[in-house]
ModelCIF file with pLDDT and N, C-alpha, C, O atoms, coordinates in Angstrom:
data_MODEL
#
_entry.id   MODEL 
#
_entity.id                         1 
_entity.type                       polymer 
_entity.pdbx_number_of_molecules   1 
#
_entity_poly.entity_id                      1 
_entity_poly.type                           'polypeptide(L)' 
_entity_poly.nstd_linkage                   no 
_entity_poly.nstd_monomer                   no 
_entity_poly.pdbx_seq_one_letter_code       CEIQFSYSIGVAEPTSFYVKTYGTGTMSDEKLTEL 
_entity_poly.pdbx_seq_one_letter_code_can   CEIQFSYSIGVAEPTSFYVKTYGTGTMSDEKLTEL 
_entity_poly.pdbx_strand_id                 A 
#
loop_
_entity_poly_seq.entity_id 
_entity_poly_seq.num 
_entity_poly_seq.mon_id 
_entity_poly_seq.hetero 
1 1  CYS n 
1 2  GLU n 
1 3  ILE n 
1 4  GLN n 
1 5  PHE n 
1 6  SER n 
1 7  TYR n 
1 8  SER n 
1 9  ILE n 
1 10 GLY n 
1 11 VAL n 
1 12 ALA n 
1 13 GLU n 
1 14 PRO n 
1 15 THR n 
1 16 SER n 
1 17 PHE n 
1 18 TYR n 
1 19 VAL n 
1 20 LYS n 
1 21 THR n 
1 22 TYR n 
1 23 GLY n 
1 24 THR n 
1 25 GLY n 
1 26 THR n 
1 27 MET n 
1 28 SER n 
1 29 ASP n 
1 30 GLU n 
1 31 LYS n 
1 32 LEU n 
1 33 THR n 
1 34 GLU n 
1 35 LEU n 
#
_struct_asym.id          A 
_struct_asym.entity_id   1 
#
loop_
_ma_qa_metric.id 
_ma_qa_metric.mode 
_ma_qa_metric.name 
_ma_qa_metric.software_group_id 
_ma_qa_metric.type 
1 global pLDDT . pLDDT 
2 local  pLDDT . pLDDT 
#
_ma_qa_metric_global.metric_id      1 
_ma_qa_metric_global.metric_value   95.06 
_ma_qa_metric_global.model_id       1 
_ma_qa_metric_global.ordinal_id     1 
#
loop_
_ma_qa_metric_local.label_asym_id 
_ma_qa_metric_local.label_comp_id 
_ma_qa_metric_local.label_seq_id 
_ma_qa_metric_local.metric_id 
_ma_qa_metric_local.metric_value 
_ma_qa_metric_local.model_id 
_ma_qa_metric_local.ordinal_id 
A CYS 1  2 98.00 1 1  
A GLU 2  2 98.00 1 2  
A ILE 3  2 98.00 1 3  
A GLN 4  2 98.00 1 4  
A PHE 5  2 93.00 1 5  
A SER 6  2 96.00 1 6  
A TYR 7  2 94.00 1 7  
A SER 8  2 91.00 1 8  
A ILE 9  2 87.00 1 9  
A GLY 10 2 83.00 1 10 
A VAL 11 2 87.00 1 11 
A ALA 12 2 89.00 1 12 
A GLU 13 2 91.00 1 13 
A PRO 14 2 95.00 1 14 
A THR 15 2 96.00 1 15 
A SER 16 2 97.00 1 16 
A PHE 17 2 97.00 1 17 
A TYR 18 2 97.00 1 18 
A VAL 19 2 98.00 1 19 
A LYS 20 2 98.00 1 20 
A THR 21 2 98.00 1 21 
A TYR 22 2 96.00 1 22 
A GLY 23 2 96.00 1 23 
A THR 24 2 97.00 1 24 
A GLY 25 2 96.00 1 25 
A THR 26 2 95.00 1 26 
A MET 27 2 95.00 1 27 
A SER 28 2 96.00 1 28 
A ASP 29 2 97.00 1 29 
A GLU 30 2 97.00 1 30 
A LYS 31 2 96.00 1 31 
A LEU 32 2 97.00 1 32 
A THR 33 2 97.00 1 33 
A GLU 34 2 96.00 1 34 
A LEU 35 2 97.00 1 35 
#
loop_
_atom_site.group_PDB 
_atom_site.id 
_atom_site.type_symbol 
_atom_site.label_atom_id 
_atom_site.label_alt_id 
_atom_site.label_comp_id 
_atom_site.label_asym_id 
_atom_site.label_entity_id 
_atom_site.label_seq_id 
_atom_site.pdbx_PDB_ins_code 
_atom_site.Cartn_x 
_atom_site.Cartn_y 
_atom_site.Cartn_z 
_atom_site.occupancy 
_atom_site.B_iso_or_equiv 
_atom_site.pdbx_formal_charge 
_atom_site.auth_seq_id 
_atom_site.auth_comp_id 
_atom_site.auth_asym_id 
_atom_site.auth_atom_id 
_atom_site.pdbx_PDB_model_num 
ATOM 1   N N  . CYS A 1 1  ? -7.830  -0.053  -8.304 1.00 98.00 ? 1  CYS A N  1 
ATOM 2   C CA . CYS A 1 1  ? -6.503  0.036   -7.259 1.00 98.00 ? 1  CYS A CA 1 
ATOM 3   C C  . CYS A 1 1  ? -6.145  1.372   -6.958 1.00 98.00 ? 1  CYS A C  1 
ATOM 4   O O  . CYS A 1 1  ? -5.691  2.197   -7.750 1.00 98.00 ? 1  CYS A O  1 
ATOM 5   N N  . GLU A 1 2  ? -6.406  1.539   -5.637 1.00 98.00 ? 2  GLU A N  1 
ATOM 6   C CA . GLU A 1 2  ? -5.702  2.703   -5.299 1.00 98.00 ? 2  GLU A CA 1 
ATOM 7   C C  . GLU A 1 2  ? -4.769  2.180   -4.083 1.00 98.00 ? 2  GLU A C  1 
ATOM 8   O O  . GLU A 1 2  ? -5.004  1.305   -3.249 1.00 98.00 ? 2  GLU A O  1 
ATOM 9   N N  . ILE A 1 3  ? -3.457  3.137   -4.287 1.00 98.00 ? 3  ILE A N  1 
ATOM 10  C CA . ILE A 1 3  ? -2.086  3.238   -3.556 1.00 98.00 ? 3  ILE A CA 1 
ATOM 11  C C  . ILE A 1 3  ? -2.106  4.128   -2.676 1.00 98.00 ? 3  ILE A C  1 
ATOM 12  O O  . ILE A 1 3  ? -2.707  5.133   -3.056 1.00 98.00 ? 3  ILE A O  1 
ATOM 13  N N  . GLN A 1 4  ? -1.521  4.210   -1.199 1.00 98.00 ? 4  GLN A N  1 
ATOM 14  C CA . GLN A 1 4  ? -1.163  5.376   -0.819 1.00 98.00 ? 4  GLN A CA 1 
ATOM 15  C C  . GLN A 1 4  ? 0.092   5.098   0.138  1.00 98.00 ? 4  GLN A C  1 
ATOM 16  O O  . GLN A 1 4  ? 0.258   4.074   0.801  1.00 98.00 ? 4  GLN A O  1 
ATOM 17  N N  . PHE A 1 5  ? 0.946   6.215   0.079  1.00 93.00 ? 5  PHE A N  1 
ATOM 18  C CA . PHE A 1 5  ? 2.093   6.571   0.914  1.00 93.00 ? 5  PHE A CA 1 
ATOM 19  C C  . PHE A 1 5  ? 1.801   7.559   1.712  1.00 93.00 ? 5  PHE A C  1 
ATOM 20  O O  . PHE A 1 5  ? 0.889   8.385   1.670  1.00 93.00 ? 5  PHE A O  1 
ATOM 21  N N  . SER A 1 6  ? 2.989   7.337   2.724  1.00 96.00 ? 6  SER A N  1 
ATOM 22  C CA . SER A 1 6  ? 3.454   8.559   3.617  1.00 96.00 ? 6  SER A CA 1 
ATOM 23  C C  . SER A 1 6  ? 4.469   8.380   3.825  1.00 96.00 ? 6  SER A C  1 
ATOM 24  O O  . SER A 1 6  ? 4.968   7.274   3.616  1.00 96.00 ? 6  SER A O  1 
ATOM 25  N N  . TYR A 1 7  ? 5.294   9.605   4.414  1.00 94.00 ? 7  TYR A N  1 
ATOM 26  C CA . TYR A 1 7  ? 6.893   9.581   4.558  1.00 94.00 ? 7  TYR A CA 1 
ATOM 27  C C  . TYR A 1 7  ? 6.720   11.027  5.857  1.00 94.00 ? 7  TYR A C  1 
ATOM 28  O O  . TYR A 1 7  ? 5.831   11.790  6.234  1.00 94.00 ? 7  TYR A O  1 
ATOM 29  N N  . SER A 1 8  ? 8.025   10.784  6.132  1.00 91.00 ? 8  SER A N  1 
ATOM 30  C CA . SER A 1 8  ? 8.527   11.556  7.178  1.00 91.00 ? 8  SER A CA 1 
ATOM 31  C C  . SER A 1 8  ? 10.074  12.241  6.520  1.00 91.00 ? 8  SER A C  1 
ATOM 32  O O  . SER A 1 8  ? 11.031  11.720  5.947  1.00 91.00 ? 8  SER A O  1 
ATOM 33  N N  . ILE A 1 9  ? 9.760   13.605  6.917  1.00 87.00 ? 9  ILE A N  1 
ATOM 34  C CA . ILE A 1 9  ? 10.926  14.464  6.402  1.00 87.00 ? 9  ILE A CA 1 
ATOM 35  C C  . ILE A 1 9  ? 12.509  13.928  6.491  1.00 87.00 ? 9  ILE A C  1 
ATOM 36  O O  . ILE A 1 9  ? 12.910  14.021  7.651  1.00 87.00 ? 9  ILE A O  1 
ATOM 37  N N  . GLY A 1 10 ? 13.237  13.539  5.828  1.00 83.00 ? 10 GLY A N  1 
ATOM 38  C CA . GLY A 1 10 ? 14.695  13.186  6.144  1.00 83.00 ? 10 GLY A CA 1 
ATOM 39  C C  . GLY A 1 10 ? 14.818  11.763  5.980  1.00 83.00 ? 10 GLY A C  1 
ATOM 40  O O  . GLY A 1 10 ? 15.897  11.179  6.075  1.00 83.00 ? 10 GLY A O  1 
ATOM 41  N N  . VAL A 1 11 ? 13.359  11.013  5.655  1.00 87.00 ? 11 VAL A N  1 
ATOM 42  C CA . VAL A 1 11 ? 13.693  9.598   6.278  1.00 87.00 ? 11 VAL A CA 1 
ATOM 43  C C  . VAL A 1 11 ? 13.162  8.957   4.649  1.00 87.00 ? 11 VAL A C  1 
ATOM 44  O O  . VAL A 1 11 ? 12.366  9.506   3.888  1.00 87.00 ? 11 VAL A O  1 
ATOM 45  N N  . ALA A 1 12 ? 13.842  7.727   4.450  1.00 89.00 ? 12 ALA A N  1 
ATOM 46  C CA . ALA A 1 12 ? 13.926  7.182   3.277  1.00 89.00 ? 12 ALA A CA 1 
ATOM 47  C C  . ALA A 1 12 ? 12.572  6.038   2.802  1.00 89.00 ? 12 ALA A C  1 
ATOM 48  O O  . ALA A 1 12 ? 11.890  5.946   1.782  1.00 89.00 ? 12 ALA A O  1 
ATOM 49  N N  . GLU A 1 13 ? 12.610  5.252   4.142  1.00 91.00 ? 13 GLU A N  1 
ATOM 50  C CA . GLU A 1 13 ? 11.502  4.516   4.585  1.00 91.00 ? 13 GLU A CA 1 
ATOM 51  C C  . GLU A 1 13 ? 9.915   5.146   4.068  1.00 91.00 ? 13 GLU A C  1 
ATOM 52  O O  . GLU A 1 13 ? 9.730   6.363   4.088  1.00 91.00 ? 13 GLU A O  1 
ATOM 53  N N  . PRO A 1 14 ? 9.059   4.403   3.712  1.00 95.00 ? 14 PRO A N  1 
ATOM 54  C CA . PRO A 1 14 ? 7.965   5.197   3.835  1.00 95.00 ? 14 PRO A CA 1 
ATOM 55  C C  . PRO A 1 14 ? 7.403   4.796   5.228  1.00 95.00 ? 14 PRO A C  1 
ATOM 56  O O  . PRO A 1 14 ? 7.634   3.721   5.782  1.00 95.00 ? 14 PRO A O  1 
ATOM 57  N N  . THR A 1 15 ? 6.404   6.105   5.867  1.00 96.00 ? 15 THR A N  1 
ATOM 58  C CA . THR A 1 15 ? 5.969   5.433   7.309  1.00 96.00 ? 15 THR A CA 1 
ATOM 59  C C  . THR A 1 15 ? 4.613   4.539   6.721  1.00 96.00 ? 15 THR A C  1 
ATOM 60  O O  . THR A 1 15 ? 4.058   3.841   7.570  1.00 96.00 ? 15 THR A O  1 
ATOM 61  N N  . SER A 1 16 ? 4.208   4.521   5.731  1.00 97.00 ? 16 SER A N  1 
ATOM 62  C CA . SER A 1 16 ? 3.080   3.530   5.525  1.00 97.00 ? 16 SER A CA 1 
ATOM 63  C C  . SER A 1 16 ? 2.974   3.398   4.035  1.00 97.00 ? 16 SER A C  1 
ATOM 64  O O  . SER A 1 16 ? 3.329   4.289   3.263  1.00 97.00 ? 16 SER A O  1 
ATOM 65  N N  . PHE A 1 17 ? 2.460   2.226   3.659  1.00 97.00 ? 17 PHE A N  1 
ATOM 66  C CA . PHE A 1 17 ? 2.108   2.018   2.282  1.00 97.00 ? 17 PHE A CA 1 
ATOM 67  C C  . PHE A 1 17 ? 0.874   0.759   2.279  1.00 97.00 ? 17 PHE A C  1 
ATOM 68  O O  . PHE A 1 17 ? 0.875   -0.235  3.005  1.00 97.00 ? 17 PHE A O  1 
ATOM 69  N N  . TYR A 1 18 ? -0.121  1.115   1.279  1.00 97.00 ? 18 TYR A N  1 
ATOM 70  C CA . TYR A 1 18 ? -1.061  0.167   1.517  1.00 97.00 ? 18 TYR A CA 1 
ATOM 71  C C  . TYR A 1 18 ? -1.608  0.058   -0.335 1.00 97.00 ? 18 TYR A C  1 
ATOM 72  O O  . TYR A 1 18 ? -1.414  0.931   -1.181 1.00 97.00 ? 18 TYR A O  1 
ATOM 73  N N  . VAL A 1 19 ? -2.220  -1.112  -0.515 1.00 98.00 ? 19 VAL A N  1 
ATOM 74  C CA . VAL A 1 19 ? -3.005  -1.206  -2.023 1.00 98.00 ? 19 VAL A CA 1 
ATOM 75  C C  . VAL A 1 19 ? -4.310  -1.633  -1.463 1.00 98.00 ? 19 VAL A C  1 
ATOM 76  O O  . VAL A 1 19 ? -4.407  -2.599  -0.707 1.00 98.00 ? 19 VAL A O  1 
ATOM 77  N N  . LYS A 1 20 ? -5.137  -1.031  -1.777 1.00 98.00 ? 20 LYS A N  1 
ATOM 78  C CA . LYS A 1 20 ? -6.686  -1.339  -1.856 1.00 98.00 ? 20 LYS A CA 1 
ATOM 79  C C  . LYS A 1 20 ? -7.483  -1.134  -3.226 1.00 98.00 ? 20 LYS A C  1 
ATOM 80  O O  . LYS A 1 20 ? -7.426  -0.178  -3.998 1.00 98.00 ? 20 LYS A O  1 
ATOM 81  N N  . THR A 1 21 ? -8.408  -2.560  -3.326 1.00 98.00 ? 21 THR A N  1 
ATOM 82  C CA . THR A 1 21 ? -8.895  -2.800  -4.600 1.00 98.00 ? 21 THR A CA 1 
ATOM 83  C C  . THR A 1 21 ? -9.995  -2.945  -4.428 1.00 98.00 ? 21 THR A C  1 
ATOM 84  O O  . THR A 1 21 ? -10.575 -3.568  -5.317 1.00 98.00 ? 21 THR A O  1 
ATOM 85  N N  . TYR A 1 22 ? -10.733 -2.522  -3.378 1.00 96.00 ? 22 TYR A N  1 
ATOM 86  C CA . TYR A 1 22 ? -12.184 -2.223  -3.380 1.00 96.00 ? 22 TYR A CA 1 
ATOM 87  C C  . TYR A 1 22 ? -13.341 -3.457  -3.576 1.00 96.00 ? 22 TYR A C  1 
ATOM 88  O O  . TYR A 1 22 ? -14.527 -3.382  -3.901 1.00 96.00 ? 22 TYR A O  1 
ATOM 89  N N  . GLY A 1 23 ? -12.384 -4.756  -3.200 1.00 96.00 ? 23 GLY A N  1 
ATOM 90  C CA . GLY A 1 23 ? -13.115 -5.898  -3.397 1.00 96.00 ? 23 GLY A CA 1 
ATOM 91  C C  . GLY A 1 23 ? -12.964 -6.385  -5.037 1.00 96.00 ? 23 GLY A C  1 
ATOM 92  O O  . GLY A 1 23 ? -13.703 -7.216  -5.565 1.00 96.00 ? 23 GLY A O  1 
ATOM 93  N N  . THR A 1 24 ? -11.946 -5.742  -5.649 1.00 97.00 ? 24 THR A N  1 
ATOM 94  C CA . THR A 1 24 ? -11.982 -6.495  -7.115 1.00 97.00 ? 24 THR A CA 1 
ATOM 95  C C  . THR A 1 24 ? -10.302 -7.429  -7.147 1.00 97.00 ? 24 THR A C  1 
ATOM 96  O O  . THR A 1 24 ? -9.868  -8.095  -8.087 1.00 97.00 ? 24 THR A O  1 
ATOM 97  N N  . GLY A 1 25 ? -9.959  -7.300  -6.450 1.00 96.00 ? 25 GLY A N  1 
ATOM 98  C CA . GLY A 1 25 ? -8.501  -7.841  -6.656 1.00 96.00 ? 25 GLY A CA 1 
ATOM 99  C C  . GLY A 1 25 ? -8.872  -9.433  -6.663 1.00 96.00 ? 25 GLY A C  1 
ATOM 100 O O  . GLY A 1 25 ? -9.869  -10.040 -6.271 1.00 96.00 ? 25 GLY A O  1 
ATOM 101 N N  . THR A 1 26 ? -7.359  -9.954  -7.421 1.00 95.00 ? 26 THR A N  1 
ATOM 102 C CA . THR A 1 26 ? -7.814  -11.199 -7.490 1.00 95.00 ? 26 THR A CA 1 
ATOM 103 C C  . THR A 1 26 ? -6.847  -12.136 -5.783 1.00 95.00 ? 26 THR A C  1 
ATOM 104 O O  . THR A 1 26 ? -6.754  -13.285 -5.350 1.00 95.00 ? 26 THR A O  1 
ATOM 105 N N  . MET A 1 27 ? -6.540  -11.284 -5.533 1.00 95.00 ? 27 MET A N  1 
ATOM 106 C CA . MET A 1 27 ? -5.995  -11.886 -4.116 1.00 95.00 ? 27 MET A CA 1 
ATOM 107 C C  . MET A 1 27 ? -6.313  -10.697 -2.751 1.00 95.00 ? 27 MET A C  1 
ATOM 108 O O  . MET A 1 27 ? -6.768  -9.609  -3.105 1.00 95.00 ? 27 MET A O  1 
ATOM 109 N N  . SER A 1 28 ? -6.160  -10.842 -1.794 1.00 96.00 ? 28 SER A N  1 
ATOM 110 C CA . SER A 1 28 ? -6.327  -10.323 -0.567 1.00 96.00 ? 28 SER A CA 1 
ATOM 111 C C  . SER A 1 28 ? -5.550  -8.810  -0.640 1.00 96.00 ? 28 SER A C  1 
ATOM 112 O O  . SER A 1 28 ? -4.429  -8.850  -1.146 1.00 96.00 ? 28 SER A O  1 
ATOM 113 N N  . ASP A 1 29 ? -6.066  -7.402  -0.157 1.00 97.00 ? 29 ASP A N  1 
ATOM 114 C CA . ASP A 1 29 ? -5.606  -6.267  -0.214 1.00 97.00 ? 29 ASP A CA 1 
ATOM 115 C C  . ASP A 1 29 ? -4.164  -6.063  0.324  1.00 97.00 ? 29 ASP A C  1 
ATOM 116 O O  . ASP A 1 29 ? -3.317  -5.227  0.011  1.00 97.00 ? 29 ASP A O  1 
ATOM 117 N N  . GLU A 1 30 ? -4.126  -7.531  1.634  1.00 97.00 ? 30 GLU A N  1 
ATOM 118 C CA . GLU A 1 30 ? -3.001  -7.649  2.306  1.00 97.00 ? 30 GLU A CA 1 
ATOM 119 C C  . GLU A 1 30 ? -1.525  -8.438  1.330  1.00 97.00 ? 30 GLU A C  1 
ATOM 120 O O  . GLU A 1 30 ? -0.302  -8.333  1.418  1.00 97.00 ? 30 GLU A O  1 
ATOM 121 N N  . LYS A 1 31 ? -2.239  -9.029  0.653  1.00 96.00 ? 31 LYS A N  1 
ATOM 122 C CA . LYS A 1 31 ? -1.257  -9.950  -0.385 1.00 96.00 ? 31 LYS A CA 1 
ATOM 123 C C  . LYS A 1 31 ? -0.838  -9.141  -1.355 1.00 96.00 ? 31 LYS A C  1 
ATOM 124 O O  . LYS A 1 31 ? 0.347   -9.125  -1.687 1.00 96.00 ? 31 LYS A O  1 
ATOM 125 N N  . LEU A 1 32 ? -1.441  -8.637  -1.730 1.00 97.00 ? 32 LEU A N  1 
ATOM 126 C CA . LEU A 1 32 ? -1.118  -7.358  -3.064 1.00 97.00 ? 32 LEU A CA 1 
ATOM 127 C C  . LEU A 1 32 ? -0.846  -6.296  -2.462 1.00 97.00 ? 32 LEU A C  1 
ATOM 128 O O  . LEU A 1 32 ? -1.071  -5.262  -3.092 1.00 97.00 ? 32 LEU A O  1 
ATOM 129 N N  . THR A 1 33 ? -0.245  -6.163  -0.980 1.00 97.00 ? 33 THR A N  1 
ATOM 130 C CA . THR A 1 33 ? 0.487   -4.871  -0.676 1.00 97.00 ? 33 THR A CA 1 
ATOM 131 C C  . THR A 1 33 ? 2.127   -5.203  -0.385 1.00 97.00 ? 33 THR A C  1 
ATOM 132 O O  . THR A 1 33 ? 3.125   -4.482  -0.389 1.00 97.00 ? 33 THR A O  1 
ATOM 133 N N  . GLU A 1 34 ? 1.853   -7.075  -0.059 1.00 96.00 ? 34 GLU A N  1 
ATOM 134 C CA . GLU A 1 34 ? 3.178   -7.497  0.244  1.00 96.00 ? 34 GLU A CA 1 
ATOM 135 C C  . GLU A 1 34 ? 3.671   -7.175  -1.485 1.00 96.00 ? 34 GLU A C  1 
ATOM 136 O O  . GLU A 1 34 ? 4.591   -6.407  -1.768 1.00 96.00 ? 34 GLU A O  1 
ATOM 137 N N  . LEU A 1 35 ? 2.853   -7.929  -2.504 1.00 97.00 ? 35 LEU A N  1 
ATOM 138 C CA . LEU A 1 35 ? 3.508   -8.108  -3.498 1.00 97.00 ? 35 LEU A CA 1 
ATOM 139 C C  . LEU A 1 35 ? 4.114   -6.821  -4.063 1.00 97.00 ? 35 LEU A C  1 
ATOM 140 O O  . LEU A 1 35 ? 4.808   -6.860  -5.079 1.00 97.00 ? 35 LEU A O  1 
#
């Protein structure tokens, strides 16, 4: 499992976030990201 965040200075909410499992996940990466 690989995770990425990104942020902007002064802003609380991440500007991006993802979960990537290289095809090893029990569900899609999109669903794991939402989870």
